PDB file of N, CA and C in Angstrom:
ATOM      1  N   MET A   1     -30.196  12.496   0.149  1.00  0.00           N
ATOM      2  CA  MET A   1     -30.927  12.722   1.382  1.00  0.00           C
ATOM      3  C   MET A   1     -30.746  14.169   1.820  1.00  0.00           C
ATOM      4  N   THR A   2     -31.821  14.776   2.239  1.00  0.00           N
ATOM      5  CA  THR A   2     -31.796  16.146   2.728  1.00  0.00           C
ATOM      6  C   THR A   2     -31.959  16.140   4.241  1.00  0.00           C
ATOM      7  N   LEU A   3     -31.112  16.900   4.891  1.00  0.00           N
ATOM      8  CA  LEU A   3     -31.190  17.025   6.347  1.00  0.00           C
ATOM      9  C   LEU A   3     -32.293  18.025   6.677  1.00  0.00           C
ATOM     10  N   THR A   4     -33.347  17.556   7.324  1.00  0.00           N
ATOM     11  CA  THR A   4     -34.475  18.430   7.650  1.00  0.00           C
ATOM     12  C   THR A   4     -34.633  18.546   9.163  1.00  0.00           C
ATOM     13  N   VAL A   5     -35.344  19.577   9.571  1.00  0.00           N
ATOM     14  CA  VAL A   5     -35.628  19.779  10.991  1.00  0.00           C
ATOM     15  C   VAL A   5     -36.411  18.592  11.531  1.00  0.00           C
ATOM     16  N   GLU A   6     -37.379  18.129  10.758  1.00  0.00           N
ATOM     17  CA  GLU A   6     -38.209  17.011  11.204  1.00  0.00           C
ATOM     18  C   GLU A   6     -37.369  15.760  11.430  1.00  0.00           C
ATOM     19  N   TRP A   7     -36.464  15.466  10.485  1.00  0.00           N
ATOM     20  CA  TRP A   7     -35.617  14.281  10.622  1.00  0.00           C
ATOM     21  C   TRP A   7     -34.728  14.404  11.853  1.00  0.00           C
ATOM     22  N   LEU A   8     -34.131  15.575  12.043  1.00  0.00           N
ATOM     23  CA  LEU A   8     -33.278  15.785  13.214  1.00  0.00           C
ATOM     24  C   LEU A   8     -34.064  15.587  14.504  1.00  0.00           C
ATOM     25  N   GLU A   9     -35.241  16.181  14.581  1.00  0.00           N
ATOM     26  CA  GLU A   9     -36.039  16.070  15.803  1.00  0.00           C
ATOM     27  C   GLU A   9     -36.459  14.628  16.076  1.00  0.00           C
ATOM     28  N   GLN A  10     -36.848  13.900  15.030  1.00  0.00           N
ATOM     29  CA  GLN A  10     -37.236  12.497  15.208  1.00  0.00           C
ATOM     30  C   GLN A  10     -36.049  11.646  15.641  1.00  0.00           C
ATOM     31  N   THR A  11     -34.905  11.863  15.017  1.00  0.00           N
ATOM     32  CA  THR A  11     -33.713  11.081  15.338  1.00  0.00           C
ATOM     33  C   THR A  11     -33.227  11.379  16.750  1.00  0.00           C
ATOM     34  N   ILE A  12     -33.232  12.647  17.124  1.00  0.00           N
ATOM     35  CA  ILE A  12     -32.826  13.039  18.476  1.00  0.00           C
ATOM     36  C   ILE A  12     -33.770  12.428  19.510  1.00  0.00           C
ATOM     37  N   ALA A  13     -35.070  12.517  19.257  1.00  0.00           N
ATOM     38  CA  ALA A  13     -36.048  11.956  20.195  1.00  0.00           C
ATOM     39  C   ALA A  13     -35.862  10.449  20.342  1.00  0.00           C
ATOM     40  N   ALA A  14     -35.628   9.763  19.228  1.00  0.00           N
ATOM     41  CA  ALA A  14     -35.425   8.309  19.277  1.00  0.00           C
ATOM     42  C   ALA A  14     -34.157   7.959  20.046  1.00  0.00           C
ATOM     43  N   MET A  15     -33.082   8.708  19.803  1.00  0.00           N
ATOM     44  CA  MET A  15     -31.827   8.432  20.507  1.00  0.00           C
ATOM     45  C   MET A  15     -31.961   8.725  21.999  1.00  0.00           C
ATOM     46  N   GLU A  16     -32.621   9.826  22.349  1.00  0.00           N
ATOM     47  CA  GLU A  16     -32.803  10.150  23.769  1.00  0.00           C
ATOM     48  C   GLU A  16     -33.662   9.097  24.461  1.00  0.00           C
ATOM     49  N   TYR A  17     -34.678   8.600  23.772  1.00  0.00           N
ATOM     50  CA  TYR A  17     -35.519   7.543  24.333  1.00  0.00           C
ATOM     51  C   TYR A  17     -34.689   6.281  24.572  1.00  0.00           C
ATOM     52  N   ASP A  18     -33.890   5.902  23.560  1.00  0.00           N
ATOM     53  CA  ASP A  18     -33.036   4.714  23.697  1.00  0.00           C
ATOM     54  C   ASP A  18     -32.035   4.880  24.836  1.00  0.00           C
ATOM     55  N   ARG A  19     -31.431   6.068  24.919  1.00  0.00           N
ATOM     56  CA  ARG A  19     -30.441   6.329  25.972  1.00  0.00           C
ATOM     57  C   ARG A  19     -31.073   6.224  27.355  1.00  0.00           C
ATOM     58  N   ASP A  20     -32.247   6.830  27.507  1.00  0.00           N
ATOM     59  CA  ASP A  20     -32.921   6.816  28.809  1.00  0.00           C
ATOM     60  C   ASP A  20     -33.401   5.423  29.189  1.00  0.00           C
ATOM     61  N   ASP A  21     -33.623   4.578  28.187  1.00  0.00           N
ATOM     62  CA  ASP A  21     -34.104   3.220  28.428  1.00  0.00           C
ATOM     63  C   ASP A  21     -32.968   2.259  28.795  1.00  0.00           C
ATOM     64  N   MET A  22     -31.722   2.664  28.516  1.00  0.00           N
ATOM     65  CA  MET A  22     -30.569   1.799  28.800  1.00  0.00           C
ATOM     66  C   MET A  22     -30.130   1.995  30.248  1.00  0.00           C
ATOM     67  N   PRO A  23     -29.813   0.910  30.957  1.00  0.00           N
ATOM     68  CA  PRO A  23     -29.422   1.024  32.371  1.00  0.00           C
ATOM     69  C   PRO A  23     -28.172   1.879  32.595  1.00  0.00           C
ATOM     70  N   PHE A  24     -27.210   1.806  31.682  1.00  0.00           N
ATOM     71  CA  PHE A  24     -25.959   2.551  31.863  1.00  0.00           C
ATOM     72  C   PHE A  24     -25.797   3.666  30.834  1.00  0.00           C
ATOM     73  N   GLY A  25     -26.841   3.965  30.082  1.00  0.00           N
ATOM     74  CA  GLY A  25     -26.766   5.034  29.092  1.00  0.00           C
ATOM     75  C   GLY A  25     -25.981   4.629  27.859  1.00  0.00           C
ATOM     76  N   PHE A  26     -25.629   5.611  27.073  1.00  0.00           N
ATOM     77  CA  PHE A  26     -24.897   5.386  25.827  1.00  0.00           C
ATOM     78  C   PHE A  26     -23.413   5.189  26.078  1.00  0.00           C
ATOM     79  N   ASP A  27     -22.758   4.565  25.095  1.00  0.00           N
ATOM     80  CA  ASP A  27     -21.305   4.563  25.090  1.00  0.00           C
ATOM     81  C   ASP A  27     -20.844   5.938  24.581  1.00  0.00           C
ATOM     82  N   GLU A  28     -19.553   6.176  24.609  1.00  0.00           N
ATOM     83  CA  GLU A  28     -19.032   7.502  24.265  1.00  0.00           C
ATOM     84  C   GLU A  28     -19.357   7.891  22.825  1.00  0.00           C
ATOM     85  N   GLU A  29     -19.244   6.956  21.897  1.00  0.00           N
ATOM     86  CA  GLU A  29     -19.507   7.266  20.487  1.00  0.00           C
ATOM     87  C   GLU A  29     -20.968   7.658  20.262  1.00  0.00           C
ATOM     88  N   SER A  30     -21.886   6.929  20.869  1.00  0.00           N
ATOM     89  CA  SER A  30     -23.309   7.254  20.721  1.00  0.00           C
ATOM     90  C   SER A  30     -23.641   8.593  21.374  1.00  0.00           C
ATOM     91  N   GLU A  31     -23.015   8.871  22.508  1.00  0.00           N
ATOM     92  CA  GLU A  31     -23.243  10.152  23.185  1.00  0.00           C
ATOM     93  C   GLU A  31     -22.734  11.307  22.326  1.00  0.00           C
ATOM     94  N   LEU A  32     -21.574  11.124  21.682  1.00  0.00           N
ATOM     95  CA  LEU A  32     -21.038  12.157  20.790  1.00  0.00           C
ATOM     96  C   LEU A  32     -21.933  12.346  19.568  1.00  0.00           C
ATOM     97  N   THR A  33     -22.481  11.256  19.056  1.00  0.00           N
ATOM     98  CA  THR A  33     -23.401  11.344  17.922  1.00  0.00           C
ATOM     99  C   THR A  33     -24.633  12.153  18.299  1.00  0.00           C
ATOM    100  N   LEU A  34     -25.180  11.891  19.467  1.00  0.00           N
ATOM    101  CA  LEU A  34     -26.344  12.638  19.939  1.00  0.00           C
ATOM    102  C   LEU A  34     -26.004  14.117  20.110  1.00  0.00           C
ATOM    103  N   GLU A  35     -24.851  14.412  20.685  1.00  0.00           N
ATOM    104  CA  GLU A  35     -24.431  15.812  20.848  1.00  0.00           C
ATOM    105  C   GLU A  35     -24.289  16.498  19.494  1.00  0.00           C
ATOM    106  N   ALA A  36     -23.747  15.797  18.502  1.00  0.00           N
ATOM    107  CA  ALA A  36     -23.597  16.365  17.158  1.00  0.00           C
ATOM    108  C   ALA A  36     -24.958  16.657  16.534  1.00  0.00           C
ATOM    109  N   LEU A  37     -25.914  15.763  16.733  1.00  0.00           N
ATOM    110  CA  LEU A  37     -27.264  15.989  16.211  1.00  0.00           C
ATOM    111  C   LEU A  37     -27.929  17.179  16.899  1.00  0.00           C
ATOM    112  N   LEU A  38     -27.737  17.302  18.205  1.00  0.00           N
ATOM    113  CA  LEU A  38     -28.296  18.446  18.934  1.00  0.00           C
ATOM    114  C   LEU A  38     -27.684  19.758  18.447  1.00  0.00           C
ATOM    115  N   LEU A  39     -26.387  19.750  18.189  1.00  0.00           N
ATOM    116  CA  LEU A  39     -25.720  20.941  17.669  1.00  0.00           C
ATOM    117  C   LEU A  39     -26.216  21.267  16.264  1.00  0.00           C
ATOM    118  N   ALA A  40     -26.379  20.244  15.435  1.00  0.00           N
ATOM    119  CA  ALA A  40     -26.911  20.458  14.086  1.00  0.00           C
ATOM    120  C   ALA A  40     -28.302  21.076  14.155  1.00  0.00           C
ATOM    121  N   ARG A  41     -29.106  20.646  15.110  1.00  0.00           N
ATOM    122  CA  ARG A  41     -30.456  21.189  15.269  1.00  0.00           C
ATOM    123  C   ARG A  41     -30.405  22.675  15.618  1.00  0.00           C
ATOM    124  N   LEU A  42     -29.449  23.065  16.432  1.00  0.00           N
ATOM    125  CA  LEU A  42     -29.296  24.487  16.762  1.00  0.00           C
ATOM    126  C   LEU A  42     -28.908  25.299  15.532  1.00  0.00           C
ATOM    127  N   TYR A  43     -28.013  24.753  14.719  1.00  0.00           N
ATOM    128  CA  TYR A  43     -27.546  25.462  13.529  1.00  0.00           C
ATOM    129  C   TYR A  43     -28.647  25.652  12.499  1.00  0.00           C
ATOM    130  N   VAL A  44     -29.590  24.726  12.436  1.00  0.00           N
ATOM    131  CA  VAL A  44     -30.675  24.837  11.464  1.00  0.00           C
ATOM    132  C   VAL A  44     -31.473  26.118  11.699  1.00  0.00           C
ATOM    133  N   ASP A  45     -31.657  26.502  12.943  1.00  0.00           N
ATOM    134  CA  ASP A  45     -32.440  27.695  13.277  1.00  0.00           C
ATOM    135  C   ASP A  45     -31.595  28.952  13.467  1.00  0.00           C
ATOM    136  N   ALA A  46     -30.306  28.854  13.316  1.00  0.00           N
ATOM    137  CA  ALA A  46     -29.429  29.996  13.578  1.00  0.00           C
ATOM    138  C   ALA A  46     -29.574  31.060  12.482  1.00  0.00           C
ATOM    139  N   HIS A  47     -29.634  32.302  12.900  1.00  0.00           N
ATOM    140  CA  HIS A  47     -29.691  33.430  11.976  1.00  0.00           C
ATOM    141  C   HIS A  47     -28.555  34.381  12.327  1.00  0.00           C
ATOM    142  N   PRO A  48     -27.883  34.939  11.318  1.00  0.00           N
ATOM    143  CA  PRO A  48     -26.774  35.851  11.604  1.00  0.00           C
ATOM    144  C   PRO A  48     -27.229  37.075  12.395  1.00  0.00           C
ATOM    145  N   VAL A  49     -26.408  37.447  13.368  1.00  0.00           N
ATOM    146  CA  VAL A  49     -26.660  38.661  14.142  1.00  0.00           C
ATOM    147  C   VAL A  49     -25.642  39.740  13.803  1.00  0.00           C
ATOM    148  N   ALA A  50     -24.597  39.345  13.102  1.00  0.00           N
ATOM    149  CA  ALA A  50     -23.564  40.269  12.649  1.00  0.00           C
ATOM    150  C   ALA A  50     -22.738  39.541  11.590  1.00  0.00           C
ATOM    151  N   TYR A  51     -21.793  40.261  10.999  1.00  0.00           N
ATOM    152  CA  TYR A  51     -20.957  39.685   9.950  1.00  0.00           C
ATOM    153  C   TYR A  51     -19.514  40.091  10.196  1.00  0.00           C
ATOM    154  N   LEU A  52     -18.605  39.194   9.874  1.00  0.00           N
ATOM    155  CA  LEU A  52     -17.184  39.450  10.059  1.00  0.00           C
ATOM    156  C   LEU A  52     -16.513  39.438   8.698  1.00  0.00           C
ATOM    157  N   VAL A  53     -15.788  40.511   8.396  1.00  0.00           N
ATOM    158  CA  VAL A  53     -14.964  40.534   7.195  1.00  0.00           C
ATOM    159  C   VAL A  53     -13.610  40.005   7.633  1.00  0.00           C
ATOM    160  N   ALA A  54     -13.238  38.848   7.089  1.00  0.00           N
ATOM    161  CA  ALA A  54     -12.075  38.127   7.610  1.00  0.00           C
ATOM    162  C   ALA A  54     -11.244  37.528   6.484  1.00  0.00           C
ATOM    163  N   GLY A  55     -10.036  37.139   6.852  1.00  0.00           N
ATOM    164  CA  GLY A  55      -9.178  36.383   5.953  1.00  0.00           C
ATOM    165  C   GLY A  55      -8.457  37.194   4.901  1.00  0.00           C
ATOM    166  N   GLY A  56      -8.458  38.500   5.050  1.00  0.00           N
ATOM    167  CA  GLY A  56      -7.768  39.330   4.073  1.00  0.00           C
ATOM    168  C   GLY A  56      -6.266  39.338   4.306  1.00  0.00           C
ATOM    169  N   ASN A  57      -5.541  39.729   3.285  1.00  0.00           N
ATOM    170  CA  ASN A  57      -4.080  39.764   3.368  1.00  0.00           C
ATOM    171  C   ASN A  57      -3.544  41.072   3.944  1.00  0.00           C
ATOM    172  N   LEU A  58      -4.320  42.146   3.880  1.00  0.00           N
ATOM    173  CA  LEU A  58      -3.799  43.458   4.251  1.00  0.00           C
ATOM    174  C   LEU A  58      -4.376  44.035   5.540  1.00  0.00           C
ATOM    175  N   TYR A  59      -5.596  43.674   5.896  1.00  0.00           N
ATOM    176  CA  TYR A  59      -6.275  44.308   7.019  1.00  0.00           C
ATOM    177  C   TYR A  59      -6.632  43.286   8.086  1.00  0.00           C
ATOM    178  N   GLN A  60      -6.914  43.782   9.291  1.00  0.00           N
ATOM    179  CA  GLN A  60      -7.392  42.911  10.365  1.00  0.00           C
ATOM    180  C   GLN A  60      -8.866  42.588  10.143  1.00  0.00           C
ATOM    181  N   ASP A  61      -9.315  41.491  10.741  1.00  0.00           N
ATOM    182  CA  ASP A  61     -10.727  41.132  10.690  1.00  0.00           C
ATOM    183  C   ASP A  61     -11.544  42.224  11.373  1.00  0.00           C
ATOM    184  N   ARG A  62     -12.750  42.478  10.837  1.00  0.00           N
ATOM    185  CA  ARG A  62     -13.578  43.539  11.410  1.00  0.00           C
ATOM    186  C   ARG A  62     -15.053  43.142  11.343  1.00  0.00           C
ATOM    187  N   PRO A  63     -15.795  43.331  12.455  1.00  0.00           N
ATOM    188  CA  PRO A  63     -17.222  42.982  12.462  1.00  0.00           C
ATOM    189  C   PRO A  63     -18.089  44.119  11.905  1.00  0.00           C
ATOM    190  N   TYR A  64     -19.228  43.724  11.343  1.00  0.00           N
ATOM    191  CA  TYR A  64     -20.222  44.667  10.838  1.00  0.00           C
ATOM    192  C   TYR A  64     -21.599  44.189  11.268  1.00  0.00           C
ATOM    193  N   ILE A  65     -22.512  45.118  11.465  1.00  0.00           N
ATOM    194  CA  ILE A  65     -23.864  44.777  11.886  1.00  0.00           C
ATOM    195  C   ILE A  65     -24.705  44.289  10.706  1.00  0.00           C
ATOM    196  N   THR A  66     -24.547  44.902   9.556  1.00  0.00           N
ATOM    197  CA  THR A  66     -25.361  44.523   8.402  1.00  0.00           C
ATOM    198  C   THR A  66     -24.524  43.792   7.361  1.00  0.00           C
ATOM    199  N   LYS A  67     -25.189  42.923   6.637  1.00  0.00           N
ATOM    200  CA  LYS A  67     -24.508  42.172   5.587  1.00  0.00           C
ATOM    201  C   LYS A  67     -24.059  43.103   4.462  1.00  0.00           C
ATOM    202  N   SER A  68     -24.874  44.085   4.140  1.00  0.00           N
ATOM    203  CA  SER A  68     -24.512  44.995   3.052  1.00  0.00           C
ATOM    204  C   SER A  68     -23.252  45.790   3.386  1.00  0.00           C
ATOM    205  N   ALA A  69     -23.111  46.227   4.630  1.00  0.00           N
ATOM    206  CA  ALA A  69     -21.901  46.953   5.037  1.00  0.00           C
ATOM    207  C   ALA A  69     -20.681  46.044   4.982  1.00  0.00           C
ATOM    208  N   ALA A  70     -20.848  44.800   5.405  1.00  0.00           N
ATOM    209  CA  ALA A  70     -19.737  43.847   5.371  1.00  0.00           C
ATOM    210  C   ALA A  70     -19.328  43.540   3.938  1.00  0.00           C
ATOM    211  N   MET A  71     -20.314  43.350   3.058  1.00  0.00           N
ATOM    212  CA  MET A  71     -20.013  43.066   1.650  1.00  0.00           C
ATOM    213  C   MET A  71     -19.291  44.246   1.004  1.00  0.00           C
ATOM    214  N   ALA A  72     -19.739  45.461   1.308  1.00  0.00           N
ATOM    215  CA  ALA A  72     -19.099  46.653   0.752  1.00  0.00           C
ATOM    216  C   ALA A  72     -17.661  46.770   1.241  1.00  0.00           C
ATOM    217  N   ALA A  73     -17.434  46.490   2.517  1.00  0.00           N
ATOM    218  CA  ALA A  73     -16.078  46.567   3.070  1.00  0.00           C
ATOM    219  C   ALA A  73     -15.170  45.519   2.443  1.00  0.00           C
ATOM    220  N   ALA A  74     -15.668  44.312   2.274  1.00  0.00           N
ATOM    221  CA  ALA A  74     -14.858  43.249   1.673  1.00  0.00           C
ATOM    222  C   ALA A  74     -14.508  43.589   0.231  1.00  0.00           C
ATOM    223  N   GLU A  75     -15.471  44.149  -0.491  1.00  0.00           N
ATOM    224  CA  GLU A  75     -15.222  44.529  -1.881  1.00  0.00           C
ATOM    225  C   GLU A  75     -14.226  45.678  -1.962  1.00  0.00           C
ATOM    226  N   GLN A  76     -14.334  46.634  -1.050  1.00  0.00           N
ATOM    227  CA  GLN A  76     -13.446  47.794  -1.042  1.00  0.00           C
ATOM    228  C   GLN A  76     -12.009  47.397  -0.705  1.00  0.00           C
ATOM    229  N   ARG A  77     -11.837  46.422   0.164  1.00  0.00           N
ATOM    230  CA  ARG A  77     -10.500  45.989   0.576  1.00  0.00           C
ATOM    231  C   ARG A  77      -9.697  45.405  -0.585  1.00  0.00           C
ATOM    232  N   GLN A  78     -10.330  44.621  -1.403  1.00  0.00           N
ATOM    233  CA  GLN A  78      -9.671  43.960  -2.533  1.00  0.00           C
ATOM    234  C   GLN A  78      -8.428  43.197  -2.088  1.00  0.00           C
ATOM    235  N   ASP A  79      -8.547  42.475  -0.971  1.00  0.00           N
ATOM    236  CA  ASP A  79      -7.394  41.720  -0.468  1.00  0.00           C
ATOM    237  C   ASP A  79      -7.732  40.249  -0.205  1.00  0.00           C
ATOM    238  N   GLY A  80      -8.809  39.773  -0.828  1.00  0.00           N
ATOM    239  CA  GLY A  80      -9.183  38.377  -0.634  1.00  0.00           C
ATOM    240  C   GLY A  80     -10.038  38.129   0.594  1.00  0.00           C
ATOM    241  N   SER A  81     -10.544  39.186   1.205  1.00  0.00           N
ATOM    242  CA  SER A  81     -11.399  39.040   2.386  1.00  0.00           C
ATOM    243  C   SER A  81     -12.690  38.326   2.020  1.00  0.00           C
ATOM    244  N   ARG A  82     -13.272  37.671   3.009  1.00  0.00           N
ATOM    245  CA  ARG A  82     -14.575  37.036   2.828  1.00  0.00           C
ATOM    246  C   ARG A  82     -15.484  37.485   3.967  1.00  0.00           C
ATOM    247  N   VAL A  83     -16.770  37.389   3.735  1.00  0.00           N
ATOM    248  CA  VAL A  83     -17.769  37.764   4.737  1.00  0.00           C
ATOM    249  C   VAL A  83     -18.244  36.493   5.430  1.00  0.00           C
ATOM    250  N   VAL A  84     -18.122  36.479   6.755  1.00  0.00           N
ATOM    251  CA  VAL A  84     -18.501  35.314   7.556  1.00  0.00           C
ATOM    252  C   VAL A  84     -19.674  35.706   8.453  1.00  0.00           C
ATOM    253  N   PRO A  85     -20.827  35.017   8.334  1.00  0.00           N
ATOM    254  CA  PRO A  85     -21.942  35.326   9.227  1.00  0.00           C
ATOM    255  C   PRO A  85     -21.641  34.871  10.650  1.00  0.00           C
ATOM    256  N   LEU A  86     -22.006  35.682  11.619  1.00  0.00           N
ATOM    257  CA  LEU A  86     -21.833  35.347  13.032  1.00  0.00           C
ATOM    258  C   LEU A  86     -23.210  35.073  13.623  1.00  0.00           C
ATOM    259  N   CYS A  87     -23.383  33.882  14.168  1.00  0.00           N
ATOM    260  CA  CYS A  87     -24.682  33.454  14.690  1.00  0.00           C
ATOM    261  C   CYS A  87     -24.587  33.178  16.183  1.00  0.00           C
ATOM    262  N   LEU A  88     -25.691  33.410  16.876  1.00  0.00           N
ATOM    263  CA  LEU A  88     -25.814  33.037  18.282  1.00  0.00           C
ATOM    264  C   LEU A  88     -26.618  31.757  18.350  1.00  0.00           C
ATOM    265  N   LEU A  89     -26.107  30.790  19.075  1.00  0.00           N
ATOM    266  CA  LEU A  89     -26.811  29.530  19.260  1.00  0.00           C
ATOM    267  C   LEU A  89     -27.266  29.450  20.701  1.00  0.00           C
ATOM    268  N   HIS A  90     -28.519  29.088  20.906  1.00  0.00           N
ATOM    269  CA  HIS A  90     -29.069  28.983  22.251  1.00  0.00           C
ATOM    270  C   HIS A  90     -29.764  27.640  22.365  1.00  0.00           C
ATOM    271  N   ASN A  91     -29.320  26.830  23.316  1.00  0.00           N
ATOM    272  CA  ASN A  91     -29.905  25.498  23.464  1.00  0.00           C
ATOM    273  C   ASN A  91     -30.989  25.444  24.532  1.00  0.00           C
ATOM    274  N   GLY A  92     -31.410  26.577  25.027  1.00  0.00           N
ATOM    275  CA  GLY A  92     -32.499  26.605  25.992  1.00  0.00           C
ATOM    276  C   GLY A  92     -32.084  26.357  27.429  1.00  0.00           C
ATOM    277  N   GLU A  93     -30.813  26.216  27.698  1.00  0.00           N
ATOM    278  CA  GLU A  93     -30.344  25.983  29.075  1.00  0.00           C
ATOM    279  C   GLU A  93     -29.973  27.280  29.740  1.00  0.00           C
TER     280      GLU A  93
END
């Protein structure tokens, strides 16, 4: 099974409809499931706005604006650093 935007949107809409139709709303587990689906939906559209070179043994973590600069820095360090994309998530609120 592939997680798609369409599936997420349909599942979220169905859960929100069910929740709104219930007199006392969802139980805690169902509410957490809905929150997880909403968060997953945000991540599907997330695009990196910067990159962090992190996890190295010798240097501190450092942010970079471009992926190419971050990759070059991680390669130059030669200390096991990895490049981590940094994304902004906006839920419309």
